[in-house]
Amino acid sequence: MNKHFEDARYYLKRAGETATKGVREELEPVEERFRELTGKEEEPEPSRLDAVKADLKELQGKAEGEAEQAIADAREKIGTYRQKEETEA
């Protein structure tokens, strides 16, 4: 892609991000007032500890799956080896 188009795409992306931040900043007081009037509080962001716990839970699931697969593969190889030994004997 032409370098000029790459530059233009980059600056358009940055302009969009900056505009989004500006709109959020401008609407923040309106949102706070709306929540105050309706009695709806903003959802709290998950704490860092909650995020770490979620990551650990995901890693645990992956590790368990990989361990089960490794055991299944090992059993299959052992079975194949035993069959081979029986046919040769």
N, C-alpha and C. Protein backbone atom coordinates (compact mmCIF):
# COMPACT_ATOMS: atom_id res chain seq x y z
N MET A 1 0.85 -1.17 0.00
CA MET A 1 0.00 0.00 0.00
C MET A 1 0.90 1.24 0.00
N ASN A 2 0.47 2.24 -0.68
CA ASN A 2 1.22 3.48 -0.79
C ASN A 2 1.43 4.08 0.61
N LYS A 3 2.60 4.58 0.85
CA LYS A 3 2.96 5.15 2.15
C LYS A 3 1.99 6.27 2.55
N HIS A 4 1.54 7.06 1.59
CA HIS A 4 0.63 8.16 1.89
C HIS A 4 -0.71 7.63 2.41
N PHE A 5 -1.18 6.53 1.82
CA PHE A 5 -2.44 5.95 2.28
C PHE A 5 -2.28 5.36 3.68
N GLU A 6 -1.13 4.75 3.93
CA GLU A 6 -0.88 4.20 5.27
C GLU A 6 -0.88 5.32 6.30
N ASP A 7 -0.23 6.43 5.97
CA ASP A 7 -0.21 7.57 6.88
C ASP A 7 -1.61 8.12 7.11
N ALA A 8 -2.38 8.24 6.03
CA ALA A 8 -3.73 8.77 6.13
C ALA A 8 -4.60 7.86 7.00
N ARG A 9 -4.47 6.55 6.80
CA ARG A 9 -5.25 5.61 7.59
C ARG A 9 -4.89 5.72 9.08
N TYR A 10 -3.62 5.86 9.36
CA TYR A 10 -3.16 6.00 10.75
C TYR A 10 -3.76 7.25 11.38
N TYR A 11 -3.68 8.39 10.67
CA TYR A 11 -4.18 9.63 11.25
C TYR A 11 -5.70 9.63 11.36
N LEU A 12 -6.40 8.96 10.46
CA LEU A 12 -7.86 8.85 10.59
C LEU A 12 -8.22 8.02 11.81
N LYS A 13 -7.48 6.96 12.03
CA LYS A 13 -7.72 6.12 13.21
C LYS A 13 -7.51 6.94 14.48
N ARG A 14 -6.41 7.67 14.53
CA ARG A 14 -6.12 8.50 15.70
C ARG A 14 -7.19 9.57 15.89
N ALA A 15 -7.66 10.17 14.80
CA ALA A 15 -8.70 11.20 14.90
C ALA A 15 -9.98 10.59 15.46
N GLY A 16 -10.31 9.38 15.01
CA GLY A 16 -11.50 8.70 15.53
C GLY A 16 -11.39 8.41 17.01
N GLU A 17 -10.22 7.92 17.44
CA GLU A 17 -10.00 7.63 18.86
C GLU A 17 -10.11 8.90 19.69
N THR A 18 -9.51 9.98 19.21
CA THR A 18 -9.53 11.25 19.93
C THR A 18 -10.96 11.79 20.01
N ALA A 19 -11.71 11.69 18.90
CA ALA A 19 -13.09 12.16 18.90
C ALA A 19 -13.94 11.34 19.88
N THR A 20 -13.71 10.04 19.92
CA THR A 20 -14.46 9.18 20.85
C THR A 20 -14.18 9.59 22.30
N LYS A 21 -12.91 9.82 22.61
CA LYS A 21 -12.57 10.26 23.97
C LYS A 21 -13.23 11.59 24.29
N GLY A 22 -13.24 12.50 23.33
CA GLY A 22 -13.85 13.81 23.54
C GLY A 22 -15.34 13.72 23.80
N VAL A 23 -16.03 12.88 23.02
CA VAL A 23 -17.48 12.71 23.20
C VAL A 23 -17.77 12.11 24.57
N ARG A 24 -16.99 11.10 24.95
CA ARG A 24 -17.19 10.48 26.27
C ARG A 24 -16.99 11.50 27.39
N GLU A 25 -15.97 12.31 27.23
CA GLU A 25 -15.66 13.32 28.24
C GLU A 25 -16.78 14.35 28.35
N GLU A 26 -17.33 14.74 27.21
CA GLU A 26 -18.42 15.73 27.20
C GLU A 26 -19.71 15.16 27.77
N LEU A 27 -19.96 13.87 27.53
CA LEU A 27 -21.21 13.26 27.98
C LEU A 27 -21.14 12.71 29.40
N GLU A 28 -19.96 12.67 29.97
CA GLU A 28 -19.80 12.13 31.32
C GLU A 28 -20.69 12.83 32.35
N PRO A 29 -20.73 14.16 32.39
CA PRO A 29 -21.61 14.82 33.36
C PRO A 29 -23.09 14.50 33.11
N VAL A 30 -23.48 14.38 31.85
CA VAL A 30 -24.87 14.05 31.52
C VAL A 30 -25.20 12.65 32.02
N GLU A 31 -24.29 11.71 31.82
CA GLU A 31 -24.50 10.34 32.28
C GLU A 31 -24.61 10.30 33.80
N GLU A 32 -23.73 11.02 34.48
CA GLU A 32 -23.77 11.04 35.94
C GLU A 32 -25.09 11.62 36.43
N ARG A 33 -25.55 12.68 35.81
CA ARG A 33 -26.83 13.30 36.19
C ARG A 33 -27.98 12.33 35.93
N PHE A 34 -27.96 11.65 34.81
CA PHE A 34 -28.99 10.68 34.47
C PHE A 34 -29.03 9.56 35.50
N ARG A 35 -27.88 9.03 35.84
CA ARG A 35 -27.82 7.96 36.83
C ARG A 35 -28.31 8.45 38.20
N GLU A 36 -27.98 9.68 38.52
CA GLU A 36 -28.42 10.26 39.79
C GLU A 36 -29.94 10.37 39.83
N LEU A 37 -30.53 10.82 38.73
CA LEU A 37 -31.99 10.99 38.67
C LEU A 37 -32.74 9.66 38.63
N THR A 38 -32.18 8.67 37.95
CA THR A 38 -32.87 7.38 37.82
C THR A 38 -32.53 6.43 38.95
N GLY A 39 -31.51 6.73 39.71
CA GLY A 39 -31.13 5.87 40.82
C GLY A 39 -30.32 4.67 40.39
N LYS A 40 -29.88 4.65 39.16
CA LYS A 40 -29.06 3.54 38.68
C LYS A 40 -27.59 3.91 38.84
N GLU A 41 -26.90 3.07 39.58
CA GLU A 41 -25.47 3.32 39.77
C GLU A 41 -24.67 2.65 38.67
N GLU A 42 -23.53 3.20 38.41
CA GLU A 42 -22.64 2.65 37.40
C GLU A 42 -22.11 1.30 37.88
N GLU A 43 -22.04 0.35 36.96
CA GLU A 43 -21.51 -0.97 37.29
C GLU A 43 -20.04 -0.84 37.67
N PRO A 44 -19.65 -1.41 38.79
CA PRO A 44 -18.23 -1.32 39.17
C PRO A 44 -17.38 -2.18 38.23
N GLU A 45 -16.21 -1.68 37.95
CA GLU A 45 -15.28 -2.45 37.13
C GLU A 45 -14.74 -3.60 37.96
N PRO A 46 -14.48 -4.73 37.31
CA PRO A 46 -13.95 -5.85 38.09
C PRO A 46 -12.59 -5.45 38.69
N SER A 47 -12.37 -5.87 39.91
CA SER A 47 -11.11 -5.53 40.56
C SER A 47 -9.97 -6.31 39.90
N ARG A 48 -8.79 -5.88 40.18
CA ARG A 48 -7.62 -6.53 39.62
C ARG A 48 -7.55 -7.98 40.09
N LEU A 49 -7.92 -8.21 41.35
CA LEU A 49 -7.92 -9.56 41.90
C LEU A 49 -8.92 -10.45 41.15
N ASP A 50 -10.12 -9.91 40.86
CA ASP A 50 -11.10 -10.67 40.11
C ASP A 50 -10.60 -11.03 38.72
N ALA A 51 -9.90 -10.09 38.09
CA ALA A 51 -9.36 -10.35 36.75
C ALA A 51 -8.30 -11.44 36.81
N VAL A 52 -7.44 -11.40 37.82
CA VAL A 52 -6.40 -12.42 37.97
C VAL A 52 -7.04 -13.79 38.24
N LYS A 53 -8.07 -13.81 39.10
CA LYS A 53 -8.76 -15.07 39.37
C LYS A 53 -9.37 -15.66 38.10
N ALA A 54 -9.98 -14.80 37.30
CA ALA A 54 -10.59 -15.27 36.05
C ALA A 54 -9.52 -15.83 35.11
N ASP A 55 -8.39 -15.14 35.03
CA ASP A 55 -7.29 -15.62 34.18
C ASP A 55 -6.77 -16.96 34.68
N LEU A 56 -6.62 -17.10 35.98
CA LEU A 56 -6.14 -18.36 36.54
C LEU A 56 -7.12 -19.50 36.28
N LYS A 57 -8.41 -19.21 36.38
CA LYS A 57 -9.44 -20.22 36.12
C LYS A 57 -9.35 -20.68 34.67
N GLU A 58 -9.15 -19.74 33.76
CA GLU A 58 -9.03 -20.07 32.34
C GLU A 58 -7.78 -20.91 32.09
N LEU A 59 -6.67 -20.53 32.70
CA LEU A 59 -5.42 -21.29 32.55
C LEU A 59 -5.56 -22.70 33.12
N GLN A 60 -6.27 -22.81 34.24
CA GLN A 60 -6.48 -24.12 34.84
C GLN A 60 -7.27 -25.02 33.89
N GLY A 61 -8.30 -24.47 33.28
CA GLY A 61 -9.10 -25.24 32.33
C GLY A 61 -8.27 -25.70 31.14
N LYS A 62 -7.43 -24.80 30.63
CA LYS A 62 -6.57 -25.17 29.50
C LYS A 62 -5.58 -26.27 29.90
N ALA A 63 -4.99 -26.12 31.08
CA ALA A 63 -4.01 -27.10 31.54
C ALA A 63 -4.66 -28.47 31.73
N GLU A 64 -5.87 -28.49 32.29
CA GLU A 64 -6.57 -29.76 32.48
C GLU A 64 -6.86 -30.42 31.14
N GLY A 65 -7.29 -29.61 30.18
CA GLY A 65 -7.58 -30.14 28.85
C GLY A 65 -6.34 -30.70 28.19
N GLU A 66 -5.24 -29.98 28.30
CA GLU A 66 -3.98 -30.44 27.70
C GLU A 66 -3.48 -31.70 28.38
N ALA A 67 -3.64 -31.78 29.70
CA ALA A 67 -3.21 -32.97 30.43
C ALA A 67 -4.04 -34.19 30.01
N GLU A 68 -5.34 -34.00 29.91
CA GLU A 68 -6.21 -35.10 29.47
C GLU A 68 -5.82 -35.58 28.07
N GLN A 69 -5.53 -34.65 27.19
CA GLN A 69 -5.14 -35.00 25.82
C GLN A 69 -3.80 -35.75 25.82
N ALA A 70 -2.86 -35.30 26.64
CA ALA A 70 -1.55 -35.97 26.72
C ALA A 70 -1.71 -37.39 27.24
N ILE A 71 -2.57 -37.58 28.22
CA ILE A 71 -2.81 -38.92 28.77
C ILE A 71 -3.45 -39.81 27.71
N ALA A 72 -4.41 -39.28 26.99
CA ALA A 72 -5.07 -40.06 25.93
C ALA A 72 -4.07 -40.45 24.85
N ASP A 73 -3.21 -39.52 24.47
CA ASP A 73 -2.20 -39.82 23.45
C ASP A 73 -1.23 -40.90 23.94
N ALA A 74 -0.81 -40.79 25.21
CA ALA A 74 0.11 -41.78 25.77
C ALA A 74 -0.54 -43.16 25.81
N ARG A 75 -1.80 -43.22 26.22
CA ARG A 75 -2.51 -44.51 26.26
C ARG A 75 -2.60 -45.12 24.87
N GLU A 76 -2.86 -44.27 23.88
CA GLU A 76 -2.96 -44.76 22.50
C GLU A 76 -1.62 -45.31 22.02
N LYS A 77 -0.55 -44.61 22.32
CA LYS A 77 0.78 -45.07 21.92
C LYS A 77 1.14 -46.38 22.62
N ILE A 78 0.81 -46.48 23.90
CA ILE A 78 1.08 -47.72 24.64
C ILE A 78 0.28 -48.87 24.04
N GLY A 79 -0.97 -48.61 23.73
CA GLY A 79 -1.82 -49.64 23.12
C GLY A 79 -1.26 -50.10 21.79
N THR A 80 -0.84 -49.16 20.97
CA THR A 80 -0.25 -49.49 19.67
C THR A 80 1.03 -50.29 19.86
N TYR A 81 1.85 -49.90 20.82
CA TYR A 81 3.10 -50.60 21.10
C TYR A 81 2.83 -52.04 21.55
N ARG A 82 1.85 -52.21 22.44
CA ARG A 82 1.53 -53.55 22.93
C ARG A 82 1.00 -54.45 21.82
N GLN A 83 0.17 -53.88 20.95
CA GLN A 83 -0.35 -54.66 19.83
C GLN A 83 0.79 -55.09 18.91
N LYS A 84 1.71 -54.18 18.68
CA LYS A 84 2.85 -54.48 17.83
C LYS A 84 3.71 -55.59 18.43
N GLU A 85 3.92 -55.53 19.76
CA GLU A 85 4.71 -56.54 20.45
C GLU A 85 4.00 -57.89 20.40
N GLU A 86 2.68 -57.93 20.53
CA GLU A 86 1.92 -59.18 20.51
C GLU A 86 1.99 -59.84 19.13
N THR A 87 1.93 -59.02 18.08
CA THR A 87 1.94 -59.57 16.72
C THR A 87 3.34 -60.09 16.35
N GLU A 88 4.36 -59.48 16.92
CA GLU A 88 5.72 -59.91 16.63
C GLU A 88 6.09 -61.15 17.44
N ALA A 89 5.45 -61.34 18.58
CA ALA A 89 5.82 -62.46 19.46
C ALA A 89 5.27 -63.78 19.00
